[in-house]
Amino acid sequence: MSPIASTLSRSIRLRVLGVGFTLWAACVASAAAAESPLCRLGHRQSPIDITATAKASAPALTFAYRAEPLRLANDGHTVRVRFAHGGELLVGQERYRLQQFHFHTPGGDRIAGEEFPMAAHLLHKGRSGQLLAVVVLFRLGAENPTLAALWTLSPRRADGDHAVAGAMADARALLPSSRAYYRYEGSLTASPCSEGVTWLVLKQPLELSAAQLAHWRTRFEDNIRPPQPLHGRTVLEIP
């Protein structure tokens, strides 16, 4: 197995299931669509600035992800990695199947006012159709080998999914060592801005280099809106 394949063997997954997730998977490409009034008027919108929290003993996270052959796409707005059998996230007794992950610049969700240069959104769907997003934030620092491999393999043009021979994807490569997180109820981050999405923001950021961020920005424009008002929502901090 090549070094890139080895790195990605610790990385990725998606299959679009149903109208609700189809809308979610398309949210980063929705700039050309007419904005839904909910994007302006909704009271449970994402992303947010996490400035105050309530300590909680909510369930621990168990990432039961699996590696599978890499499928990725350049959709014109981001790099997206899709899964068919990439495993699941357990939140206590609740199970959420991993559907895909993609990237945003800047990071969207902030912590105490800090804006992060990039975030990965790992998107999941529960048995009842509940949508759940795990956010992995990035700070500038050392080169990230997983991102380096993905940047190398990602298509230059927006022309659909690509299967990469010999490369495996496992979303565990994008997870920090700490499982501490913030939890809040929010929305899709672009039109139609549908609410009822659970957001889990991992507290420990990963790193990417300034050169990696600069390379990304030669290919993609910023693709997320600013933090939205809380409107009285409580952000839980676990642990």
C-alpha atoms as a PDB file:
ATOM      1  CA  MET A   1       0.000   0.000   0.000  1.00  0.00           C
ATOM      2  CA  SER A   2       1.329   3.462  -0.938  1.00  0.00           C
ATOM      3  CA  PRO A   3       2.082   6.078   1.768  1.00  0.00           C
ATOM      4  CA  ILE A   4      -0.961   8.046   0.634  1.00  0.00           C
ATOM      5  CA  ALA A   5      -3.152   4.990   0.814  1.00  0.00           C
ATOM      6  CA  SER A   6      -1.697   4.152   4.209  1.00  0.00           C
ATOM      7  CA  THR A   7      -2.461   7.635   5.500  1.00  0.00           C
ATOM      8  CA  LEU A   8      -5.977   7.526   4.122  1.00  0.00           C
ATOM      9  CA  SER A   9      -6.492   4.080   5.587  1.00  0.00           C
ATOM     10  CA  ARG A  10      -6.906   5.995   8.835  1.00  0.00           C
ATOM     11  CA  SER A  11      -9.464   8.459   7.176  1.00  0.00           C
ATOM     12  CA  ILE A  12     -13.331   8.722   5.296  1.00  0.00           C
ATOM     13  CA  ARG A  13     -17.362   7.852   3.933  1.00  0.00           C
ATOM     14  CA  LEU A  14     -20.993   8.850   2.261  1.00  0.00           C
ATOM     15  CA  ARG A  15     -24.127   7.681   0.664  1.00  0.00           C
ATOM     16  CA  VAL A  16     -26.970  10.169   0.279  1.00  0.00           C
ATOM     17  CA  LEU A  17     -30.080   8.715   1.905  1.00  0.00           C
ATOM     18  CA  GLY A  18     -33.367  10.538   1.456  1.00  0.00           C
ATOM     19  CA  VAL A  19     -34.361  14.078   0.642  1.00  0.00           C
ATOM     20  CA  GLY A  20     -33.304  15.523   3.996  1.00  0.00           C
ATOM     21  CA  PHE A  21     -29.729  14.379   3.678  1.00  0.00           C
ATOM     22  CA  THR A  22     -29.595  15.239  -0.019  1.00  0.00           C
ATOM     23  CA  LEU A  23     -30.302  18.829   0.980  1.00  0.00           C
ATOM     24  CA  TRP A  24     -27.656  18.658   3.679  1.00  0.00           C
ATOM     25  CA  ALA A  25     -25.032  17.201   1.367  1.00  0.00           C
ATOM     26  CA  ALA A  26     -25.742  20.012  -1.092  1.00  0.00           C
ATOM     27  CA  CYS A  27     -25.575  22.807   1.476  1.00  0.00           C
ATOM     28  CA  VAL A  28     -22.012  23.843   0.631  1.00  0.00           C
ATOM     29  CA  ALA A  29     -23.042  24.230  -3.007  1.00  0.00           C
ATOM     30  CA  SER A  30     -26.161  26.263  -2.346  1.00  0.00           C
ATOM     31  CA  ALA A  31     -24.744  29.760  -2.827  1.00  0.00           C
ATOM     32  CA  ALA A  32     -26.339  29.894  -6.245  1.00  0.00           C
ATOM     33  CA  ALA A  33     -29.762  28.975  -4.862  1.00  0.00           C
ATOM     34  CA  ALA A  34     -32.282  31.492  -3.541  1.00  0.00           C
ATOM     35  CA  GLU A  35     -31.872  31.858   0.221  1.00  0.00           C
ATOM     36  CA  SER A  36     -34.679  30.467   2.329  1.00  0.00           C
ATOM     37  CA  PRO A  37     -36.320  32.967   4.728  1.00  0.00           C
ATOM     38  CA  LEU A  38     -35.427  30.538   7.535  1.00  0.00           C
ATOM     39  CA  CYS A  39     -31.762  31.436   7.033  1.00  0.00           C
ATOM     40  CA  ARG A  40     -32.574  34.969   8.234  1.00  0.00           C
ATOM     41  CA  LEU A  41     -35.490  34.350  10.575  1.00  0.00           C
ATOM     42  CA  GLY A  42     -34.672  31.016  12.217  1.00  0.00           C
ATOM     43  CA  HIS A  43     -33.778  30.946  15.918  1.00  0.00           C
ATOM     44  CA  ARG A  44     -31.723  27.725  15.869  1.00  0.00           C
ATOM     45  CA  GLN A  45     -29.221  28.428  13.122  1.00  0.00           C
ATOM     46  CA  SER A  46     -25.609  27.303  12.589  1.00  0.00           C
ATOM     47  CA  PRO A  47     -22.742  27.995  12.937  1.00  0.00           C
ATOM     48  CA  ILE A  48     -22.410  29.802  16.289  1.00  0.00           C
ATOM     49  CA  ASP A  49     -19.819  31.395  18.557  1.00  0.00           C
ATOM     50  CA  ILE A  50     -19.517  29.239  21.702  1.00  0.00           C
ATOM     51  CA  THR A  51     -19.009  31.826  24.442  1.00  0.00           C
ATOM     52  CA  ALA A  52     -20.892  30.362  27.419  1.00  0.00           C
ATOM     53  CA  THR A  53     -21.647  26.744  28.213  1.00  0.00           C
ATOM     54  CA  ALA A  54     -23.442  24.542  30.718  1.00  0.00           C
ATOM     55  CA  LYS A  55     -21.395  21.627  32.057  1.00  0.00           C
ATOM     56  CA  ALA A  56     -23.194  18.347  31.441  1.00  0.00           C
ATOM     57  CA  SER A  57     -22.703  14.626  31.937  1.00  0.00           C
ATOM     58  CA  ALA A  58     -24.004  13.763  28.477  1.00  0.00           C
ATOM     59  CA  PRO A  59     -23.139  10.431  26.842  1.00  0.00           C
ATOM     60  CA  ALA A  60     -19.585   9.755  25.718  1.00  0.00           C
ATOM     61  CA  LEU A  61     -18.795   9.511  22.008  1.00  0.00           C
ATOM     62  CA  THR A  62     -17.721   6.197  20.503  1.00  0.00           C
ATOM     63  CA  PHE A  63     -16.424   6.467  16.950  1.00  0.00           C
ATOM     64  CA  ALA A  64     -16.892   3.014  15.412  1.00  0.00           C
ATOM     65  CA  TYR A  65     -15.662   4.002  11.979  1.00  0.00           C
ATOM     66  CA  ARG A  66     -14.312   1.555   9.390  1.00  0.00           C
ATOM     67  CA  ALA A  67     -11.980   1.928   6.431  1.00  0.00           C
ATOM     68  CA  GLU A  68     -13.303   1.483   2.906  1.00  0.00           C
ATOM     69  CA  PRO A  69     -12.096   2.260  -0.637  1.00  0.00           C
ATOM     70  CA  LEU A  70     -11.719   5.992  -1.113  1.00  0.00           C
ATOM     71  CA  ARG A  71     -14.363   7.922  -3.063  1.00  0.00           C
ATOM     72  CA  LEU A  72     -13.938  11.659  -3.200  1.00  0.00           C
ATOM     73  CA  ALA A  73     -15.173  14.605  -5.213  1.00  0.00           C
ATOM     74  CA  ASN A  74     -14.411  18.224  -5.942  1.00  0.00           C
ATOM     75  CA  ASP A  75     -17.894  19.756  -6.095  1.00  0.00           C
ATOM     76  CA  GLY A  76     -16.637  23.236  -6.959  1.00  0.00           C
ATOM     77  CA  HIS A  77     -16.981  24.432  -3.364  1.00  0.00           C
ATOM     78  CA  THR A  78     -15.103  21.843  -1.271  1.00  0.00           C
ATOM     79  CA  VAL A  79     -13.506  18.405  -1.239  1.00  0.00           C
ATOM     80  CA  ARG A  80     -16.061  15.814  -0.204  1.00  0.00           C
ATOM     81  CA  VAL A  81     -15.379  12.199   0.818  1.00  0.00           C
ATOM     82  CA  ARG A  82     -18.308   9.797   0.616  1.00  0.00           C
ATOM     83  CA  PHE A  83     -18.925   6.484   2.347  1.00  0.00           C
ATOM     84  CA  ALA A  84     -21.101   3.437   1.828  1.00  0.00           C
ATOM     85  CA  HIS A  85     -19.871   1.352   4.781  1.00  0.00           C
ATOM     86  CA  GLY A  86     -17.746   3.710   6.860  1.00  0.00           C
ATOM     87  CA  GLY A  87     -19.161   2.771  10.235  1.00  0.00           C
ATOM     88  CA  GLU A  88     -21.051   4.767  12.803  1.00  0.00           C
ATOM     89  CA  LEU A  89     -20.936   7.114  15.765  1.00  0.00           C
ATOM     90  CA  LEU A  90     -22.486   6.010  19.056  1.00  0.00           C
ATOM     91  CA  VAL A  91     -23.736   8.744  21.378  1.00  0.00           C
ATOM     92  CA  GLY A  92     -24.713   6.712  24.394  1.00  0.00           C
ATOM     93  CA  GLN A  93     -27.200   4.188  22.978  1.00  0.00           C
ATOM     94  CA  GLU A  94     -28.016   6.265  19.893  1.00  0.00           C
ATOM     95  CA  ARG A  95     -26.388   5.170  16.634  1.00  0.00           C
ATOM     96  CA  TYR A  96     -25.629   7.468  13.702  1.00  0.00           C
ATOM     97  CA  ARG A  97     -24.253   6.168  10.405  1.00  0.00           C
ATOM     98  CA  LEU A  98     -21.385   8.144   8.930  1.00  0.00           C
ATOM     99  CA  GLN A  99     -22.415   9.539   5.550  1.00  0.00           C
ATOM    100  CA  GLN A 100     -19.610  11.840   4.405  1.00  0.00           C
ATOM    101  CA  PHE A 101     -17.181  14.538   5.373  1.00  0.00           C
ATOM    102  CA  HIS A 102     -16.135  17.785   3.718  1.00  0.00           C
ATOM    103  CA  PHE A 103     -14.264  20.979   4.591  1.00  0.00           C
ATOM    104  CA  HIS A 104     -15.109  24.623   5.262  1.00  0.00           C
ATOM    105  CA  THR A 105     -13.021  27.786   5.328  1.00  0.00           C
ATOM    106  CA  PRO A 106     -13.101  29.492   7.695  1.00  0.00           C
ATOM    107  CA  GLY A 107     -14.156  27.001  10.345  1.00  0.00           C
ATOM    108  CA  GLY A 108     -17.650  28.380  10.992  1.00  0.00           C
ATOM    109  CA  ASP A 109     -18.187  27.564  14.653  1.00  0.00           C
ATOM    110  CA  ARG A 110     -16.024  29.682  16.945  1.00  0.00           C
ATOM    111  CA  ILE A 111     -14.901  29.106  20.532  1.00  0.00           C
ATOM    112  CA  ALA A 112     -14.816  32.185  22.770  1.00  0.00           C
ATOM    113  CA  GLY A 113     -14.554  34.382  19.703  1.00  0.00           C
ATOM    114  CA  GLU A 114     -11.663  32.468  18.128  1.00  0.00           C
ATOM    115  CA  GLU A 115     -12.113  31.956  14.399  1.00  0.00           C
ATOM    116  CA  PHE A 116     -10.463  28.807  13.072  1.00  0.00           C
ATOM    117  CA  PRO A 117      -9.058  28.783   9.535  1.00  0.00           C
ATOM    118  CA  MET A 118     -10.669  25.469   8.592  1.00  0.00           C
ATOM    119  CA  ALA A 119     -13.075  22.825   9.833  1.00  0.00           C
ATOM    120  CA  ALA A 120     -14.066  19.350   8.745  1.00  0.00           C
ATOM    121  CA  HIS A 121     -17.750  18.461   9.004  1.00  0.00           C
ATOM    122  CA  LEU A 122     -18.435  14.755   9.480  1.00  0.00           C
ATOM    123  CA  LEU A 123     -22.091  14.187   8.649  1.00  0.00           C
ATOM    124  CA  HIS A 124     -24.214  11.400  10.117  1.00  0.00           C
ATOM    125  CA  LYS A 125     -27.795  10.191  10.016  1.00  0.00           C
ATOM    126  CA  GLY A 126     -29.695   8.350  12.759  1.00  0.00           C
ATOM    127  CA  ARG A 127     -32.173   5.534  12.302  1.00  0.00           C
ATOM    128  CA  SER A 128     -35.080   7.944  12.682  1.00  0.00           C
ATOM    129  CA  GLY A 129     -33.609  10.358  10.146  1.00  0.00           C
ATOM    130  CA  GLN A 130     -32.011  12.676  12.722  1.00  0.00           C
ATOM    131  CA  LEU A 131     -29.077  14.590  11.237  1.00  0.00           C
ATOM    132  CA  LEU A 132     -25.918  14.982  13.305  1.00  0.00           C
ATOM    133  CA  ALA A 133     -22.699  16.809  12.446  1.00  0.00           C
ATOM    134  CA  VAL A 134     -19.317  16.380  14.132  1.00  0.00           C
ATOM    135  CA  VAL A 135     -17.052  19.416  13.734  1.00  0.00           C
ATOM    136  CA  VAL A 136     -13.269  19.042  13.776  1.00  0.00           C
ATOM    137  CA  LEU A 137     -11.566  22.438  13.932  1.00  0.00           C
ATOM    138  CA  PHE A 138      -8.074  23.234  12.603  1.00  0.00           C
ATOM    139  CA  ARG A 139      -5.493  25.751  13.789  1.00  0.00           C
ATOM    140  CA  LEU A 140      -2.389  26.794  11.860  1.00  0.00           C
ATOM    141  CA  GLY A 141       0.635  24.721  12.803  1.00  0.00           C
ATOM    142  CA  ALA A 142       2.335  21.628  11.458  1.00  0.00           C
ATOM    143  CA  GLU A 143       1.490  20.032   8.126  1.00  0.00           C
ATOM    144  CA  ASN A 144      -1.410  17.595   8.384  1.00  0.00           C
ATOM    145  CA  PRO A 145      -0.569  14.310   6.592  1.00  0.00           C
ATOM    146  CA  THR A 146      -4.196  13.315   6.051  1.00  0.00           C
ATOM    147  CA  LEU A 147      -5.006  16.634   4.400  1.00  0.00           C
ATOM    148  CA  ALA A 148      -1.802  16.408   2.355  1.00  0.00           C
ATOM    149  CA  ALA A 149      -2.915  13.038   0.980  1.00  0.00           C
ATOM    150  CA  LEU A 150      -6.417  14.266   0.223  1.00  0.00           C
ATOM    151  CA  TRP A 151      -5.207  17.445  -1.474  1.00  0.00           C
ATOM    152  CA  THR A 152      -2.935  15.311  -3.684  1.00  0.00           C
ATOM    153  CA  LEU A 153      -5.721  12.930  -4.700  1.00  0.00           C
ATOM    154  CA  SER A 154      -8.629  15.350  -5.039  1.00  0.00           C
ATOM    155  CA  PRO A 155      -9.794  16.061  -8.610  1.00  0.00           C
ATOM    156  CA  ARG A 156      -8.837  19.398 -10.128  1.00  0.00           C
ATOM    157  CA  ARG A 157     -12.273  19.825 -11.702  1.00  0.00           C
ATOM    158  CA  ALA A 158     -15.807  19.567 -10.362  1.00  0.00           C
ATOM    159  CA  ASP A 159     -16.821  16.437 -12.227  1.00  0.00           C
ATOM    160  CA  GLY A 160     -18.423  14.037  -9.755  1.00  0.00           C
ATOM    161  CA  ASP A 161     -17.146  11.255  -7.534  1.00  0.00           C
ATOM    162  CA  HIS A 162     -13.823   9.565  -8.174  1.00  0.00           C
ATOM    163  CA  ALA A 163     -12.824   6.119  -6.906  1.00  0.00           C
ATOM    164  CA  VAL A 164      -9.096   6.129  -6.134  1.00  0.00           C
ATOM    165  CA  ALA A 165      -7.463   2.778  -6.860  1.00  0.00           C
ATOM    166  CA  GLY A 166      -5.484   1.394  -3.950  1.00  0.00           C
ATOM    167  CA  ALA A 167      -6.440   4.135  -1.483  1.00  0.00           C
ATOM    168  CA  MET A 168      -8.545   3.495   1.608  1.00  0.00           C
ATOM    169  CA  ALA A 169     -10.603   6.017   3.550  1.00  0.00           C
ATOM    170  CA  ASP A 170     -11.135   5.961   7.302  1.00  0.00           C
ATOM    171  CA  ALA A 171     -12.558   9.030   9.056  1.00  0.00           C
ATOM    172  CA  ARG A 172     -10.648   8.183  12.243  1.00  0.00           C
ATOM    173  CA  ALA A 173      -7.671   9.974  10.663  1.00  0.00           C
ATOM    174  CA  LEU A 174      -9.557  13.246  11.164  1.00  0.00           C
ATOM    175  CA  LEU A 175     -10.307  12.780  14.856  1.00  0.00           C
ATOM    176  CA  PRO A 176      -8.294  14.362  17.679  1.00  0.00           C
ATOM    177  CA  SER A 177      -7.253  12.235  20.648  1.00  0.00           C
ATOM    178  CA  SER A 178      -9.680  13.954  23.030  1.00  0.00           C
ATOM    179  CA  ARG A 179     -13.388  13.109  22.899  1.00  0.00           C
ATOM    180  CA  ALA A 180     -14.493  16.201  24.846  1.00  0.00           C
ATOM    181  CA  TYR A 181     -17.068  18.219  22.943  1.00  0.00           C
ATOM    182  CA  TYR A 182     -19.691  20.954  22.860  1.00  0.00           C
ATOM    183  CA  ARG A 183     -23.251  20.135  21.847  1.00  0.00           C
ATOM    184  CA  TYR A 184     -25.969  22.412  20.547  1.00  0.00           C
ATOM    185  CA  GLU A 185     -29.064  22.244  18.388  1.00  0.00           C
ATOM    186  CA  GLY A 186     -28.719  24.041  15.088  1.00  0.00           C
ATOM    187  CA  SER A 187     -29.360  23.910  11.377  1.00  0.00           C
ATOM    188  CA  LEU A 188     -27.951  23.299   7.943  1.00  0.00           C
ATOM    189  CA  THR A 189     -25.299  25.950   7.348  1.00  0.00           C
ATOM    190  CA  ALA A 190     -26.721  27.079   3.979  1.00  0.00           C
ATOM    191  CA  SER A 191     -30.117  27.409   2.359  1.00  0.00           C
ATOM    192  CA  PRO A 192     -32.658  25.990   3.114  1.00  0.00           C
ATOM    193  CA  CYS A 193     -31.099  26.287   6.632  1.00  0.00           C
ATOM    194  CA  SER A 194     -33.407  23.549   7.963  1.00  0.00           C
ATOM    195  CA  GLU A 195     -33.308  23.345  11.749  1.00  0.00           C
ATOM    196  CA  GLY A 196     -33.284  20.261  13.964  1.00  0.00           C
ATOM    197  CA  VAL A 197     -29.642  19.311  13.286  1.00  0.00           C
ATOM    198  CA  THR A 198     -27.514  18.223  16.272  1.00  0.00           C
ATOM    199  CA  TRP A 199     -24.017  19.710  16.281  1.00  0.00           C
ATOM    200  CA  LEU A 200     -21.084  18.210  18.197  1.00  0.00           C
ATOM    201  CA  VAL A 201     -18.006  20.460  18.136  1.00  0.00           C
ATOM    202  CA  LEU A 202     -14.892  18.614  19.283  1.00  0.00           C
ATOM    203  CA  LYS A 203     -12.928  20.774  21.720  1.00  0.00           C
ATOM    204  CA  GLN A 204      -9.425  19.739  20.644  1.00  0.00           C
ATOM    205  CA  PRO A 205      -8.350  21.265  17.312  1.00  0.00           C
ATOM    206  CA  LEU A 206      -6.066  19.581  14.815  1.00  0.00           C
ATOM    207  CA  GLU A 207      -3.403  21.426  12.834  1.00  0.00           C
ATOM    208  CA  LEU A 208      -2.763  22.273   9.207  1.00  0.00           C
ATOM    209  CA  SER A 209       0.124  24.254   7.799  1.00  0.00           C
ATOM    210  CA  ALA A 210      -0.055  27.754   6.342  1.00  0.00           C
ATOM    211  CA  ALA A 211       1.082  26.278   3.026  1.00  0.00           C
ATOM    212  CA  GLN A 212      -1.788  23.768   3.067  1.00  0.00           C
ATOM    213  CA  LEU A 213      -4.319  26.500   3.771  1.00  0.00           C
ATOM    214  CA  ALA A 214      -2.841  28.692   1.035  1.00  0.00           C
ATOM    215  CA  HIS A 215      -3.006  25.796  -1.437  1.00  0.00           C
ATOM    216  CA  TRP A 216      -6.657  25.186  -0.546  1.00  0.00           C
ATOM    217  CA  ARG A 217      -7.477  28.842  -1.164  1.00  0.00           C
ATOM    218  CA  THR A 218      -5.992  28.689  -4.662  1.00  0.00           C
ATOM    219  CA  ARG A 219      -8.747  26.177  -5.456  1.00  0.00           C
ATOM    220  CA  PHE A 220     -11.778  27.118  -3.344  1.00  0.00           C
ATOM    221  CA  GLU A 221     -13.382  30.288  -2.062  1.00  0.00           C
ATOM    222  CA  ASP A 222     -14.548  30.605   1.545  1.00  0.00           C
ATOM    223  CA  ASN A 223     -17.711  28.533   1.875  1.00  0.00           C
ATOM    224  CA  ILE A 224     -19.461  29.125   5.188  1.00  0.00           C
ATOM    225  CA  ARG A 225     -21.513  31.959   6.633  1.00  0.00           C
ATOM    226  CA  PRO A 226     -20.694  33.901   9.839  1.00  0.00           C
ATOM    227  CA  PRO A 227     -21.804  32.750  13.307  1.00  0.00           C
ATOM    228  CA  GLN A 228     -25.523  33.126  13.942  1.00  0.00           C
ATOM    229  CA  PRO A 229     -27.294  34.441  17.081  1.00  0.00           C
ATOM    230  CA  LEU A 230     -27.958  31.936  19.848  1.00  0.00           C
ATOM    231  CA  HIS A 231     -31.486  33.199  20.603  1.00  0.00           C
ATOM    232  CA  GLY A 232     -31.353  31.718  24.102  1.00  0.00           C
ATOM    233  CA  ARG A 233     -30.012  28.293  23.173  1.00  0.00           C
ATOM    234  CA  THR A 234     -27.887  26.428  25.716  1.00  0.00           C
ATOM    235  CA  VAL A 235     -24.555  24.961  24.607  1.00  0.00           C
ATOM    236  CA  LEU A 236     -23.618  21.861  26.592  1.00  0.00           C
ATOM    237  CA  GLU A 237     -19.968  21.169  27.430  1.00  0.00           C
ATOM    238  CA  ILE A 238     -18.984  17.502  27.796  1.00  0.00           C
ATOM    239  CA  PRO A 239     -17.098  16.589  29.907  1.00  0.00           C
END
